[in-house]
């Protein structure tokens, strides 16, 4: 059974193509556009493996979607298994939209191309940001209507940015076009993905009398002759590595830290308020907001012009 190398799956989104869709990001990209907003998808060593039939089962169980969007990474680097997946999606009555950093004329025949209704091609060019059309990052990228499923009426959709803010302040982002603009244009909403809120570890380390620095992903504490790296995790801040004398059991127990739920919720609200303020300044409006089962908050922002 052929496995797909995937980076991320968002079950429902209105920011990655026409209508409500499931978005699937592949892991691995042979094109690697300068200025790419998702360079973490370039390597084939990251991500997770999933067979295309298992992915199909997951997609078909999602209620209310009209299709699937394939992004990357580079979907055509996995054209074989993705083609079989896309053909099965189409057979189930759903549409397929595929992004590629190649141009259509250079793509060899494949089942993935044959099973795509709407193709967006071309490399991302950071010096040519696109603001008038939805979903694309630069003006050179083209829409190809390969079936009669869609037409140019889809261009009336606004650009959207979807944010999911976890109780610990971590942010997940999708909505590629706006994210790409954020790199090239000042004043547009900018969000660093999978970024833990820096106030949390400082709060968690209160009382240790440690000198704390934070590089954005890891907290380093100088404590009793040691340099200790704290990583972020779902259960709070955990010891990752100790340079210096080893920890006794009693010392180690003092270094398993967490943040109380009330403070985490306070941070979450603060992050949300700041993002809404920045969105308003950038001419965007809150289109929808919901609290998820895991207590994360999902917000959809739409461009107002």
Protein backbone atom coordinates (compact mmCIF):
# COMPACT_ATOMS: atom_id res chain seq x y z
CA UNK A 1 0.00 0.00 0.00
CA UNK A 2 1.52 3.33 -1.07
CA UNK A 3 2.13 5.86 1.68
CA UNK A 4 1.83 9.61 1.42
CA UNK A 5 4.27 11.88 3.22
CA UNK A 6 2.08 14.63 4.67
CA UNK A 7 2.73 17.79 6.64
CA UNK A 8 -0.72 18.82 7.84
CA UNK A 9 -4.43 18.19 7.33
CA UNK A 10 -7.14 20.75 8.06
CA UNK A 11 -10.52 19.04 7.94
CA UNK A 12 -12.58 22.12 7.11
CA UNK A 13 -11.41 25.46 5.76
CA UNK A 14 -12.80 28.33 3.68
CA UNK A 15 -9.34 29.83 3.10
CA UNK A 16 -7.84 27.27 0.70
CA UNK A 17 -10.10 27.29 -2.34
CA UNK A 18 -13.73 27.73 -3.37
CA UNK A 19 -16.33 26.77 -0.78
CA UNK A 20 -15.74 24.64 2.30
CA UNK A 21 -12.89 22.21 1.75
CA UNK A 22 -10.48 19.81 3.37
CA UNK A 23 -6.89 21.01 2.91
CA UNK A 24 -3.97 18.58 2.72
CA UNK A 25 -0.36 19.79 2.80
CA UNK A 26 2.23 17.36 1.50
CA UNK A 27 5.72 17.06 2.99
CA UNK A 28 8.63 17.42 0.60
CA UNK A 29 9.24 19.96 -2.16
CA UNK A 30 11.72 19.76 -5.03
CA UNK A 31 11.05 23.36 -6.16
CA UNK A 32 11.75 25.35 -2.97
CA UNK A 33 10.73 28.88 -3.96
CA UNK A 34 12.74 31.68 -2.28
CA UNK A 35 10.52 33.43 0.26
CA UNK A 36 8.25 30.39 0.68
CA UNK A 37 6.05 30.71 3.75
CA UNK A 38 6.23 26.97 4.41
CA UNK A 39 9.94 26.06 4.18
CA UNK A 40 9.34 23.43 6.86
CA UNK A 41 7.58 21.41 4.16
CA UNK A 42 10.64 21.26 1.89
CA UNK A 43 12.43 18.30 3.44
CA UNK A 44 11.09 14.79 2.94
CA UNK A 45 12.29 13.80 6.42
CA UNK A 46 9.57 15.68 8.27
CA UNK A 47 5.83 15.14 8.33
CA UNK A 48 3.96 11.91 8.90
CA UNK A 49 3.05 8.91 6.79
CA UNK A 50 -0.50 7.97 5.84
CA UNK A 51 -1.76 5.62 3.17
CA UNK A 52 -3.93 7.24 0.54
CA UNK A 53 -6.90 4.93 1.34
CA UNK A 54 -6.68 6.01 5.00
CA UNK A 55 -6.58 9.65 3.94
CA UNK A 56 -9.58 9.03 1.71
CA UNK A 57 -11.52 7.48 4.60
CA UNK A 58 -10.79 10.52 6.75
CA UNK A 59 -11.87 12.95 4.03
CA UNK A 60 -15.08 11.11 3.20
CA UNK A 61 -16.06 11.15 6.89
CA UNK A 62 -15.94 14.97 7.02
CA UNK A 63 -19.39 16.49 6.77
CA UNK A 64 -20.19 19.59 4.75
CA UNK A 65 -17.16 19.85 2.47
CA UNK A 66 -17.36 20.29 -1.28
CA UNK A 67 -13.86 19.24 -2.15
CA UNK A 68 -10.20 18.75 -1.28
CA UNK A 69 -7.30 21.13 -1.82
CA UNK A 70 -3.79 19.69 -2.22
CA UNK A 71 -0.91 21.99 -1.27
CA UNK A 72 2.66 21.62 -0.25
CA UNK A 73 5.31 21.02 -0.24
CA UNK A 74 4.89 19.97 -3.86
CA UNK A 75 1.95 17.62 -4.52
CA UNK A 76 3.35 16.48 -7.86
CA UNK A 77 6.41 15.08 -6.09
CA UNK A 78 3.96 12.39 -4.92
CA UNK A 79 1.83 12.29 -8.06
CA UNK A 80 1.35 8.49 -8.00
CA UNK A 81 -0.41 7.90 -4.67
CA UNK A 82 -1.93 11.39 -4.65
CA UNK A 83 -3.37 10.70 -8.09
CA UNK A 84 -5.11 7.58 -6.84
CA UNK A 85 -6.40 9.53 -3.86
CA UNK A 86 -7.62 12.39 -6.07
CA UNK A 87 -9.38 10.01 -8.47
CA UNK A 88 -11.21 8.39 -5.56
CA UNK A 89 -12.17 11.81 -4.18
CA UNK A 90 -13.64 12.75 -7.55
CA UNK A 91 -15.49 9.44 -7.76
CA UNK A 92 -17.13 10.30 -4.43
CA UNK A 93 -18.51 13.51 -5.91
CA UNK A 94 -16.02 15.94 -4.39
CA UNK A 95 -13.81 18.36 -6.31
CA UNK A 96 -10.02 18.50 -6.34
CA UNK A 97 -7.94 21.68 -6.37
CA UNK A 98 -4.17 21.26 -6.65
CA UNK A 99 -1.36 23.77 -6.21
CA UNK A 100 1.98 23.23 -7.93
CA UNK A 101 5.12 25.34 -8.18
CA UNK A 102 5.75 23.88 -11.63
CA UNK A 103 3.99 25.30 -14.69
CA UNK A 104 1.34 23.23 -16.43
CA UNK A 105 3.35 22.97 -19.64
CA UNK A 106 6.19 21.22 -17.77
CA UNK A 107 4.07 18.69 -15.89
CA UNK A 108 4.22 15.17 -17.29
CA UNK A 109 0.95 13.24 -17.72
CA UNK A 110 -0.29 11.81 -14.42
CA UNK A 111 -3.42 10.57 -12.72
CA UNK A 112 -3.13 13.51 -10.33
CA UNK A 113 -3.32 15.99 -13.19
CA UNK A 114 -6.17 14.04 -14.80
CA UNK A 115 -8.07 14.06 -11.49
CA UNK A 116 -7.67 17.78 -10.78
CA UNK A 117 -10.58 20.15 -11.43
CA UNK A 118 -8.76 23.38 -10.63
CA UNK A 119 -4.97 23.71 -10.95
CA UNK A 120 -2.95 26.65 -9.67
CA UNK A 121 0.54 26.64 -11.17
CA UNK A 122 3.76 28.61 -11.04
CA UNK A 123 6.47 29.33 -8.47
CA UNK A 124 5.96 31.84 -5.71
CA UNK A 125 7.79 35.09 -6.56
CA UNK A 126 8.21 37.23 -3.48
CA UNK A 127 8.82 40.36 -5.57
CA UNK A 128 5.43 40.04 -7.31
CA UNK A 129 2.85 39.80 -4.50
CA UNK A 130 -0.77 39.21 -5.59
CA UNK A 131 -3.57 41.13 -3.89
CA UNK A 132 -6.51 40.98 -6.28
CA UNK A 133 -7.07 37.22 -6.65
CA UNK A 134 -7.75 34.82 -3.79
CA UNK A 135 -5.53 31.92 -2.70
CA UNK A 136 -2.41 32.74 -4.74
CA UNK A 137 0.75 34.33 -3.40
CA UNK A 138 2.19 36.04 -6.48
CA UNK A 139 0.90 37.58 -9.70
CA UNK A 140 2.60 35.08 -12.02
CA UNK A 141 0.61 32.12 -10.69
CA UNK A 142 -2.20 30.93 -12.97
CA UNK A 143 -5.58 29.28 -12.53
CA UNK A 144 -6.39 26.44 -14.95
CA UNK A 145 -10.00 25.23 -15.10
CA UNK A 146 -9.37 21.65 -16.17
CA UNK A 147 -13.03 20.60 -15.89
CA UNK A 148 -16.32 22.50 -15.94
CA UNK A 149 -16.58 22.30 -12.14
CA UNK A 150 -15.37 25.88 -11.65
CA UNK A 151 -15.07 29.07 -13.65
CA UNK A 152 -13.88 32.65 -13.16
CA UNK A 153 -16.78 33.41 -10.82
CA UNK A 154 -14.64 31.96 -8.01
CA UNK A 155 -12.48 35.10 -8.11
CA UNK A 156 -15.16 37.02 -6.21
CA UNK A 157 -14.18 35.14 -3.03
CA UNK A 158 -12.18 37.26 -0.57
CA UNK A 159 -8.75 36.34 0.67
CA UNK A 160 -9.09 34.70 4.06
CA UNK A 161 -6.71 33.94 6.89
CA UNK A 162 -7.64 31.26 9.42
CA UNK A 163 -6.09 31.22 12.87
CA UNK A 164 -6.38 28.60 15.58
CA UNK A 165 -5.17 29.78 18.98
CA UNK A 166 -4.52 27.05 21.54
CA UNK A 167 -5.06 27.62 25.28
CA UNK A 168 -1.29 27.91 25.72
CA UNK A 169 -1.01 30.66 23.12
CA UNK A 170 0.26 28.45 20.29
CA UNK A 171 -0.96 29.61 16.87
CA UNK A 172 -1.80 27.54 13.80
CA UNK A 173 -2.26 29.48 10.56
CA UNK A 174 -3.60 28.75 7.11
CA UNK A 175 -4.58 30.95 4.21
CA UNK A 176 -1.47 30.92 2.03
CA UNK A 177 -2.02 34.03 -0.07
CA UNK A 178 -2.33 36.44 2.85
CA UNK A 179 0.53 34.71 4.63
CA UNK A 180 2.71 35.22 1.56
CA UNK A 181 1.75 38.90 1.38
CA UNK A 182 2.74 39.31 4.98
CA UNK A 183 6.34 38.55 4.09
CA UNK A 184 6.55 41.20 1.39
CA UNK A 185 4.34 44.03 2.60
CA UNK A 186 4.48 45.97 5.85
CA UNK A 187 1.20 46.49 7.64
CA UNK A 188 -0.36 43.16 6.67
CA UNK A 189 -1.22 40.74 9.45
CA UNK A 190 1.83 38.64 10.29
CA UNK A 191 1.72 35.49 12.39
CA UNK A 192 4.55 33.07 13.08
CA UNK A 193 3.15 29.57 13.01
CA UNK A 194 3.46 27.12 15.88
CA UNK A 195 4.82 29.88 18.13
CA UNK A 196 4.33 29.52 21.87
CA UNK A 197 3.45 32.67 23.76
CA UNK A 198 6.62 33.96 25.44
CA UNK A 199 4.85 35.00 28.68
CA UNK A 200 4.02 31.39 29.55
CA UNK A 201 7.51 30.04 30.32
CA UNK A 202 8.43 33.18 32.24
CA UNK A 203 5.35 32.62 34.38
CA UNK A 204 6.13 28.92 34.79
CA UNK A 205 9.70 29.63 35.87
CA UNK A 206 8.68 32.11 38.56
CA UNK A 207 10.24 31.10 41.87
CA UNK A 208 13.26 29.29 40.44
CA UNK A 209 15.37 32.47 40.60
CA UNK A 210 16.68 31.55 37.17
CA UNK A 211 18.03 33.91 34.54
CA UNK A 212 15.71 33.24 31.63
CA UNK A 213 16.14 33.77 27.88
CA UNK A 214 13.72 32.74 25.15
CA UNK A 215 14.62 32.13 21.49
CA UNK A 216 10.96 31.75 20.50
CA UNK A 217 10.80 27.99 20.60
CA UNK A 218 12.85 27.05 23.69
CA UNK A 219 13.42 28.70 27.07
CA UNK A 220 16.93 28.63 28.48
CA UNK A 221 17.43 29.08 32.23
CA UNK A 222 20.73 29.65 34.01
CA UNK A 223 20.08 27.95 37.35
CA UNK A 224 22.46 26.84 40.08
CA UNK A 225 25.48 26.44 37.82
CA UNK A 226 23.55 24.75 35.01
CA UNK A 227 22.15 25.81 31.69
CA UNK A 228 18.77 24.15 31.29
CA UNK A 229 16.69 24.09 28.11
CA UNK A 230 12.93 23.91 28.57
CA UNK A 231 10.77 22.75 25.68
CA UNK A 232 7.09 23.50 25.23
CA UNK A 233 4.60 20.64 25.42
CA UNK A 234 0.90 19.99 25.91
CA UNK A 235 1.43 19.35 29.63
CA UNK A 236 3.33 22.58 30.21
CA UNK A 237 7.03 23.40 30.09
CA UNK A 238 9.27 20.35 30.41
CA UNK A 239 13.01 19.89 30.90
CA UNK A 240 14.64 19.12 27.57
CA UNK A 241 18.37 19.22 28.28
CA UNK A 242 20.76 20.06 31.13
CA UNK A 243 24.32 21.33 30.67
CA UNK A 244 26.32 21.09 33.90
CA UNK A 245 26.01 18.96 37.03
CA UNK A 246 23.33 16.30 36.81
CA UNK A 247 20.01 16.82 38.54
CA UNK A 248 19.08 14.97 41.67
CA UNK A 249 15.62 13.47 41.80
CA UNK A 250 14.47 16.25 44.12
CA UNK A 251 15.87 18.93 41.81
CA UNK A 252 14.28 17.35 38.77
CA UNK A 253 10.90 17.35 40.44
CA UNK A 254 11.17 21.10 40.89
CA UNK A 255 11.82 21.56 37.17
CA UNK A 256 8.65 19.93 35.84
CA UNK A 257 6.62 23.06 35.42
CA UNK A 258 3.17 23.94 34.23
CA UNK A 259 0.95 26.98 33.91
CA UNK A 260 -2.45 27.16 35.56
CA UNK A 261 -5.47 27.01 33.26
CA UNK A 262 -6.73 30.46 34.23
CA UNK A 263 -3.49 32.11 33.20
CA UNK A 264 -3.33 30.09 29.98
CA UNK A 265 -6.85 31.27 29.13
CA UNK A 266 -5.78 34.85 29.88
CA UNK A 267 -2.87 34.50 27.46
CA UNK A 268 -5.16 33.00 24.83
CA UNK A 269 -7.56 35.94 25.12
CA UNK A 270 -4.70 38.42 24.92
CA UNK A 271 -3.29 36.79 21.78
CA UNK A 272 -6.74 36.78 20.17
CA UNK A 273 -7.37 40.45 21.02
CA UNK A 274 -3.99 41.48 19.62
CA UNK A 275 -4.55 39.57 16.39
CA UNK A 276 -7.99 41.10 15.93
CA UNK A 277 -6.53 44.57 16.44
CA UNK A 278 -3.78 43.96 13.90
CA UNK A 279 -6.31 42.54 11.47
CA UNK A 280 -8.49 45.64 11.73
CA UNK A 281 -5.48 47.85 11.11
CA UNK A 282 -4.71 45.83 7.98
CA UNK A 283 -8.25 46.24 6.62
CA UNK A 284 -9.52 42.78 7.55
CA UNK A 285 -12.65 41.73 9.39
CA UNK A 286 -13.52 38.79 11.61
CA UNK A 287 -15.76 36.56 9.50
CA UNK A 288 -16.28 33.78 12.05
CA UNK A 289 -15.06 32.67 15.46
CA UNK A 290 -15.59 29.40 17.32
CA UNK A 291 -14.32 27.51 20.36
CA UNK A 292 -13.23 23.97 19.52
CA UNK A 293 -13.57 20.80 21.60
CA UNK A 294 -9.93 21.10 22.75
CA UNK A 295 -10.63 24.68 23.93
CA UNK A 296 -8.63 26.21 21.09
CA UNK A 297 -10.23 29.16 19.32
CA UNK A 298 -10.53 29.24 15.53
CA UNK A 299 -10.94 32.61 13.83
CA UNK A 300 -11.45 33.34 10.14
CA UNK A 301 -10.37 36.78 8.92
CA UNK A 302 -11.49 38.07 5.52
CA UNK A 303 -10.09 40.90 3.45
CA UNK A 304 -12.50 43.82 3.20
CA UNK A 305 -11.38 44.94 -0.22
